Amino acid sequence: MAIRVNLDVMMAKRKISLNELSQKVGITLSNLSILKTEKAKAIRFSTLNKICEVLECQPGDILEFIPIE
């Protein structure tokens, strides 16, 4: 896929665990793990909004477009 998810990078920068982020965002650990490992097919704007709020970042800090050549 051409979209890379850099959630693990932002989590490391903010020193927050997957469990803690899951609780603060209000989504299941398994759904957050799917997103983190780039296996998700989509993400709701409301979820992305909450993740950015908790991690104090912009959507572009988490999602990156990588052109496929």
PDB file of N, CA and C in Angstrom:
ATOM      1  N   MET A   1       0.838  -1.175   0.000  1.00  0.00           N
ATOM      2  CA  MET A   1       0.000   0.000   0.000  1.00  0.00           C
ATOM      3  C   MET A   1       0.887   1.243   0.000  1.00  0.00           C
ATOM      4  N   ALA A   2       0.390   2.316  -0.560  1.00  0.00           N
ATOM      5  CA  ALA A   2       1.175   3.536  -0.696  1.00  0.00           C
ATOM      6  C   ALA A   2       1.129   4.420   0.548  1.00  0.00           C
ATOM      7  N   ILE A   3       0.314   4.057   1.532  1.00  0.00           N
ATOM      8  CA  ILE A   3       0.234   4.829   2.768  1.00  0.00           C
ATOM      9  C   ILE A   3       0.994   4.086   3.864  1.00  0.00           C
ATOM     10  N   ARG A   4       1.968   4.750   4.442  1.00  0.00           N
ATOM     11  CA  ARG A   4       2.743   4.170   5.549  1.00  0.00           C
ATOM     12  C   ARG A   4       2.221   4.760   6.854  1.00  0.00           C
ATOM     13  N   VAL A   5       2.070   3.912   7.855  1.00  0.00           N
ATOM     14  CA  VAL A   5       1.608   4.335   9.172  1.00  0.00           C
ATOM     15  C   VAL A   5       2.817   4.399  10.102  1.00  0.00           C
ATOM     16  N   ASN A   6       3.121   5.592  10.582  1.00  0.00           N
ATOM     17  CA  ASN A   6       4.271   5.807  11.457  1.00  0.00           C
ATOM     18  C   ASN A   6       3.840   5.965  12.916  1.00  0.00           C
ATOM     19  N   LEU A   7       2.812   5.243  13.300  1.00  0.00           N
ATOM     20  CA  LEU A   7       2.287   5.350  14.655  1.00  0.00           C
ATOM     21  C   LEU A   7       3.330   4.951  15.692  1.00  0.00           C
ATOM     22  N   ASP A   8       4.083   3.905  15.403  1.00  0.00           N
ATOM     23  CA  ASP A   8       5.101   3.449  16.355  1.00  0.00           C
ATOM     24  C   ASP A   8       6.175   4.508  16.591  1.00  0.00           C
ATOM     25  N   VAL A   9       6.510   5.283  15.557  1.00  0.00           N
ATOM     26  CA  VAL A   9       7.505   6.347  15.691  1.00  0.00           C
ATOM     27  C   VAL A   9       6.992   7.429  16.638  1.00  0.00           C
ATOM     28  N   MET A  10       5.741   7.847  16.435  1.00  0.00           N
ATOM     29  CA  MET A  10       5.165   8.885  17.292  1.00  0.00           C
ATOM     30  C   MET A  10       4.991   8.390  18.724  1.00  0.00           C
ATOM     31  N   MET A  11       4.629   7.128  18.874  1.00  0.00           N
ATOM     32  CA  MET A  11       4.477   6.559  20.215  1.00  0.00           C
ATOM     33  C   MET A  11       5.828   6.551  20.929  1.00  0.00           C
ATOM     34  N   ALA A  12       6.883   6.214  20.227  1.00  0.00           N
ATOM     35  CA  ALA A  12       8.223   6.202  20.827  1.00  0.00           C
ATOM     36  C   ALA A  12       8.654   7.617  21.213  1.00  0.00           C
ATOM     37  N   LYS A  13       8.367   8.590  20.345  1.00  0.00           N
ATOM     38  CA  LYS A  13       8.727   9.978  20.643  1.00  0.00           C
ATOM     39  C   LYS A  13       7.996  10.494  21.878  1.00  0.00           C
ATOM     40  N   ARG A  14       6.753  10.064  22.053  1.00  0.00           N
ATOM     41  CA  ARG A  14       5.937  10.522  23.174  1.00  0.00           C
ATOM     42  C   ARG A  14       6.052   9.602  24.394  1.00  0.00           C
ATOM     43  N   LYS A  15       6.821   8.510  24.232  1.00  0.00           N
ATOM     44  CA  LYS A  15       7.036   7.545  25.312  1.00  0.00           C
ATOM     45  C   LYS A  15       5.706   7.040  25.889  1.00  0.00           C
ATOM     46  N   ILE A  16       4.861   6.536  24.989  1.00  0.00           N
ATOM     47  CA  ILE A  16       3.558   6.004  25.378  1.00  0.00           C
ATOM     48  C   ILE A  16       3.430   4.574  24.849  1.00  0.00           C
ATOM     49  N   SER A  17       2.901   3.704  25.662  1.00  0.00           N
ATOM     50  CA  SER A  17       2.750   2.303  25.265  1.00  0.00           C
ATOM     51  C   SER A  17       1.465   2.104  24.466  1.00  0.00           C
ATOM     52  N   LEU A  18       1.385   0.972  23.802  1.00  0.00           N
ATOM     53  CA  LEU A  18       0.191   0.615  23.037  1.00  0.00           C
ATOM     54  C   LEU A  18      -1.014   0.515  23.969  1.00  0.00           C
ATOM     55  N   ASN A  19      -0.818  -0.070  25.147  1.00  0.00           N
ATOM     56  CA  ASN A  19      -1.908  -0.188  26.119  1.00  0.00           C
ATOM     57  C   ASN A  19      -2.417   1.176  26.559  1.00  0.00           C
ATOM     58  N   GLU A  20      -1.497   2.067  26.882  1.00  0.00           N
ATOM     59  CA  GLU A  20      -1.883   3.394  27.351  1.00  0.00           C
ATOM     60  C   GLU A  20      -2.597   4.177  26.252  1.00  0.00           C
ATOM     61  N   LEU A  21      -2.073   4.120  25.028  1.00  0.00           N
ATOM     62  CA  LEU A  21      -2.704   4.822  23.912  1.00  0.00           C
ATOM     63  C   LEU A  21      -4.093   4.257  23.645  1.00  0.00           C
ATOM     64  N   SER A  22      -4.227   2.950  23.714  1.00  0.00           N
ATOM     65  CA  SER A  22      -5.521   2.299  23.516  1.00  0.00           C
ATOM     66  C   SER A  22      -6.551   2.808  24.510  1.00  0.00           C
ATOM     67  N   GLN A  23      -6.162   2.902  25.760  1.00  0.00           N
ATOM     68  CA  GLN A  23      -7.074   3.387  26.796  1.00  0.00           C
ATOM     69  C   GLN A  23      -7.442   4.849  26.592  1.00  0.00           C
ATOM     70  N   LYS A  24      -6.469   5.678  26.262  1.00  0.00           N
ATOM     71  CA  LYS A  24      -6.715   7.109  26.106  1.00  0.00           C
ATOM     72  C   LYS A  24      -7.531   7.435  24.857  1.00  0.00           C
ATOM     73  N   VAL A  25      -7.325   6.650  23.798  1.00  0.00           N
ATOM     74  CA  VAL A  25      -8.048   6.886  22.548  1.00  0.00           C
ATOM     75  C   VAL A  25      -9.445   6.259  22.600  1.00  0.00           C
ATOM     76  N   GLY A  26      -9.568   5.175  23.351  1.00  0.00           N
ATOM     77  CA  GLY A  26     -10.858   4.515  23.471  1.00  0.00           C
ATOM     78  C   GLY A  26     -11.140   3.495  22.385  1.00  0.00           C
ATOM     79  N   ILE A  27     -10.079   2.892  21.845  1.00  0.00           N
ATOM     80  CA  ILE A  27     -10.264   1.798  20.895  1.00  0.00           C
ATOM     81  C   ILE A  27      -9.553   0.562  21.443  1.00  0.00           C
ATOM     82  N   THR A  28      -9.951  -0.592  20.934  1.00  0.00           N
ATOM     83  CA  THR A  28      -9.395  -1.828  21.463  1.00  0.00           C
ATOM     84  C   THR A  28      -7.912  -1.939  21.128  1.00  0.00           C
ATOM     85  N   LEU A  29      -7.229  -2.679  21.957  1.00  0.00           N
ATOM     86  CA  LEU A  29      -5.808  -2.928  21.759  1.00  0.00           C
ATOM     87  C   LEU A  29      -5.574  -3.620  20.422  1.00  0.00           C
ATOM     88  N   SER A  30      -6.446  -4.553  20.067  1.00  0.00           N
ATOM     89  CA  SER A  30      -6.268  -5.283  18.803  1.00  0.00           C
ATOM     90  C   SER A  30      -6.453  -4.361  17.594  1.00  0.00           C
ATOM     91  N   ASN A  31      -7.429  -3.446  17.649  1.00  0.00           N
ATOM     92  CA  ASN A  31      -7.615  -2.514  16.526  1.00  0.00           C
ATOM     93  C   ASN A  31      -6.451  -1.543  16.407  1.00  0.00           C
ATOM     94  N   LEU A  32      -5.934  -1.087  17.520  1.00  0.00           N
ATOM     95  CA  LEU A  32      -4.782  -0.191  17.499  1.00  0.00           C
ATOM     96  C   LEU A  32      -3.549  -0.925  16.978  1.00  0.00           C
ATOM     97  N   SER A  33      -3.406  -2.177  17.351  1.00  0.00           N
ATOM     98  CA  SER A  33      -2.286  -2.990  16.876  1.00  0.00           C
ATOM     99  C   SER A  33      -2.368  -3.196  15.363  1.00  0.00           C
ATOM    100  N   ILE A  34      -3.566  -3.408  14.844  1.00  0.00           N
ATOM    101  CA  ILE A  34      -3.769  -3.564  13.395  1.00  0.00           C
ATOM    102  C   ILE A  34      -3.338  -2.293  12.667  1.00  0.00           C
ATOM    103  N   LEU A  35      -3.682  -1.162  13.233  1.00  0.00           N
ATOM    104  CA  LEU A  35      -3.283   0.111  12.637  1.00  0.00           C
ATOM    105  C   LEU A  35      -1.766   0.283  12.701  1.00  0.00           C
ATOM    106  N   LYS A  36      -1.186  -0.011  13.839  1.00  0.00           N
ATOM    107  CA  LYS A  36       0.255   0.161  14.044  1.00  0.00           C
ATOM    108  C   LYS A  36       1.081  -0.721  13.110  1.00  0.00           C
ATOM    109  N   THR A  37       0.600  -1.926  12.835  1.00  0.00           N
ATOM    110  CA  THR A  37       1.339  -2.858  11.977  1.00  0.00           C
ATOM    111  C   THR A  37       0.983  -2.713  10.497  1.00  0.00           C
ATOM    112  N   GLU A  38       0.266  -1.635  10.180  1.00  0.00           N
ATOM    113  CA  GLU A  38      -0.099  -1.308   8.796  1.00  0.00           C
ATOM    114  C   GLU A  38      -0.980  -2.357   8.132  1.00  0.00           C
ATOM    115  N   LYS A  39      -1.790  -3.067   8.905  1.00  0.00           N
ATOM    116  CA  LYS A  39      -2.704  -4.058   8.344  1.00  0.00           C
ATOM    117  C   LYS A  39      -4.115  -3.501   8.175  1.00  0.00           C
ATOM    118  N   ALA A  40      -4.336  -2.273   8.655  1.00  0.00           N
ATOM    119  CA  ALA A  40      -5.653  -1.645   8.551  1.00  0.00           C
ATOM    120  C   ALA A  40      -5.913  -1.201   7.115  1.00  0.00           C
ATOM    121  N   LYS A  41      -7.145  -1.325   6.688  1.00  0.00           N
ATOM    122  CA  LYS A  41      -7.549  -0.882   5.347  1.00  0.00           C
ATOM    123  C   LYS A  41      -8.067   0.556   5.382  1.00  0.00           C
ATOM    124  N   ALA A  42      -8.478   1.020   6.572  1.00  0.00           N
ATOM    125  CA  ALA A  42      -9.041   2.366   6.706  1.00  0.00           C
ATOM    126  C   ALA A  42      -8.916   2.818   8.154  1.00  0.00           C
ATOM    127  N   ILE A  43      -9.104   4.120   8.345  1.00  0.00           N
ATOM    128  CA  ILE A  43      -9.140   4.679   9.691  1.00  0.00           C
ATOM    129  C   ILE A  43     -10.195   5.783   9.695  1.00  0.00           C
ATOM    130  N   ARG A  44     -10.995   5.814  10.726  1.00  0.00           N
ATOM    131  CA  ARG A  44     -12.001   6.863  10.842  1.00  0.00           C
ATOM    132  C   ARG A  44     -11.325   8.161  11.230  1.00  0.00           C
ATOM    133  N   PHE A  45     -11.855   9.258  10.716  1.00  0.00           N
ATOM    134  CA  PHE A  45     -11.314  10.570  11.076  1.00  0.00           C
ATOM    135  C   PHE A  45     -11.440  10.811  12.574  1.00  0.00           C
ATOM    136  N   SER A  46     -12.496  10.316  13.177  1.00  0.00           N
ATOM    137  CA  SER A  46     -12.671  10.509  14.623  1.00  0.00           C
ATOM    138  C   SER A  46     -11.570   9.783  15.401  1.00  0.00           C
ATOM    139  N   THR A  47     -11.177   8.607  14.936  1.00  0.00           N
ATOM    140  CA  THR A  47     -10.086   7.863  15.577  1.00  0.00           C
ATOM    141  C   THR A  47      -8.758   8.576  15.360  1.00  0.00           C
ATOM    142  N   LEU A  48      -8.512   9.005  14.134  1.00  0.00           N
ATOM    143  CA  LEU A  48      -7.278   9.731  13.820  1.00  0.00           C
ATOM    144  C   LEU A  48      -7.209  11.022  14.636  1.00  0.00           C
ATOM    145  N   ASN A  49      -8.336  11.701  14.760  1.00  0.00           N
ATOM    146  CA  ASN A  49      -8.406  12.926  15.548  1.00  0.00           C
ATOM    147  C   ASN A  49      -8.019  12.670  17.001  1.00  0.00           C
ATOM    148  N   LYS A  50      -8.553  11.615  17.583  1.00  0.00           N
ATOM    149  CA  LYS A  50      -8.271  11.297  18.983  1.00  0.00           C
ATOM    150  C   LYS A  50      -6.810  10.892  19.165  1.00  0.00           C
ATOM    151  N   ILE A  51      -6.260  10.106  18.239  1.00  0.00           N
ATOM    152  CA  ILE A  51      -4.847   9.713  18.309  1.00  0.00           C
ATOM    153  C   ILE A  51      -3.962  10.953  18.258  1.00  0.00           C
ATOM    154  N   CYS A  52      -4.265  11.867  17.343  1.00  0.00           N
ATOM    155  CA  CYS A  52      -3.473  13.097  17.230  1.00  0.00           C
ATOM    156  C   CYS A  52      -3.599  13.950  18.487  1.00  0.00           C
ATOM    157  N   GLU A  53      -4.783  13.963  19.064  1.00  0.00           N
ATOM    158  CA  GLU A  53      -5.001  14.719  20.302  1.00  0.00           C
ATOM    159  C   GLU A  53      -4.154  14.157  21.439  1.00  0.00           C
ATOM    160  N   VAL A  54      -4.169  12.837  21.592  1.00  0.00           N
ATOM    161  CA  VAL A  54      -3.424  12.186  22.672  1.00  0.00           C
ATOM    162  C   VAL A  54      -1.918  12.308  22.455  1.00  0.00           C
ATOM    163  N   LEU A  55      -1.467  12.124  21.222  1.00  0.00           N
ATOM    164  CA  LEU A  55      -0.033  12.171  20.925  1.00  0.00           C
ATOM    165  C   LEU A  55       0.474  13.592  20.650  1.00  0.00           C
ATOM    166  N   GLU A  56      -0.445  14.553  20.649  1.00  0.00           N
ATOM    167  CA  GLU A  56      -0.096  15.950  20.367  1.00  0.00           C
ATOM    168  C   GLU A  56       0.709  16.066  19.073  1.00  0.00           C
ATOM    169  N   CYS A  57       0.093  15.597  17.985  1.00  0.00           N
ATOM    170  CA  CYS A  57       0.757  15.618  16.692  1.00  0.00           C
ATOM    171  C   CYS A  57      -0.249  15.920  15.586  1.00  0.00           C
ATOM    172  N   GLN A  58       0.238  15.987  14.372  1.00  0.00           N
ATOM    173  CA  GLN A  58      -0.590  16.206  13.194  1.00  0.00           C
ATOM    174  C   GLN A  58      -0.813  14.879  12.478  1.00  0.00           C
ATOM    175  N   PRO A  59      -1.910  14.748  11.698  1.00  0.00           N
ATOM    176  CA  PRO A  59      -2.129  13.501  10.941  1.00  0.00           C
ATOM    177  C   PRO A  59      -0.936  13.125  10.062  1.00  0.00           C
ATOM    178  N   GLY A  60      -0.261  14.122   9.517  1.00  0.00           N
ATOM    179  CA  GLY A  60       0.908  13.871   8.677  1.00  0.00           C
ATOM    180  C   GLY A  60       2.098  13.300   9.435  1.00  0.00           C
ATOM    181  N   ASP A  61       2.082  13.424  10.756  1.00  0.00           N
ATOM    182  CA  ASP A  61       3.128  12.801  11.567  1.00  0.00           C
ATOM    183  C   ASP A  61       2.915  11.296  11.676  1.00  0.00           C
ATOM    184  N   ILE A  62       1.682  10.868  11.450  1.00  0.00           N
ATOM    185  CA  ILE A  62       1.319   9.454  11.590  1.00  0.00           C
ATOM    186  C   ILE A  62       1.198   8.776  10.236  1.00  0.00           C
ATOM    187  N   LEU A  63       0.598   9.460   9.279  1.00  0.00           N
ATOM    188  CA  LEU A  63       0.362   8.889   7.946  1.00  0.00           C
ATOM    189  C   LEU A  63       1.286   9.529   6.925  1.00  0.00           C
ATOM    190  N   GLU A  64       1.874   8.696   6.088  1.00  0.00           N
ATOM    191  CA  GLU A  64       2.827   9.173   5.073  1.00  0.00           C
ATOM    192  C   GLU A  64       2.531   8.494   3.749  1.00  0.00           C
ATOM    193  N   PHE A  65       2.479   9.270   2.669  1.00  0.00           N
ATOM    194  CA  PHE A  65       2.257   8.721   1.334  1.00  0.00           C
ATOM    195  C   PHE A  65       3.593   8.371   0.699  1.00  0.00           C
ATOM    196  N   ILE A  66       3.735   7.125   0.289  1.00  0.00           N
ATOM    197  CA  ILE A  66       4.944   6.627  -0.384  1.00  0.00           C
ATOM    198  C   ILE A  66       4.540   6.191  -1.785  1.00  0.00           C
ATOM    199  N   PRO A  67       4.943   6.932  -2.808  1.00  0.00           N
ATOM    200  CA  PRO A  67       4.578   6.550  -4.180  1.00  0.00           C
ATOM    201  C   PRO A  67       5.129   5.174  -4.562  1.00  0.00           C
ATOM    202  N   ILE A  68       4.307   4.386  -5.190  1.00  0.00           N
ATOM    203  CA  ILE A  68       4.730   3.066  -5.670  1.00  0.00           C
ATOM    204  C   ILE A  68       5.206   3.224  -7.103  1.00  0.00           C
ATOM    205  N   GLU A  69       6.413   2.780  -7.336  1.00  0.00           N
ATOM    206  CA  GLU A  69       6.970   2.923  -8.697  1.00  0.00           C
ATOM    207  C   GLU A  69       6.995   1.612  -9.410  1.00  0.00           C
TER     208      GLU A  69
END
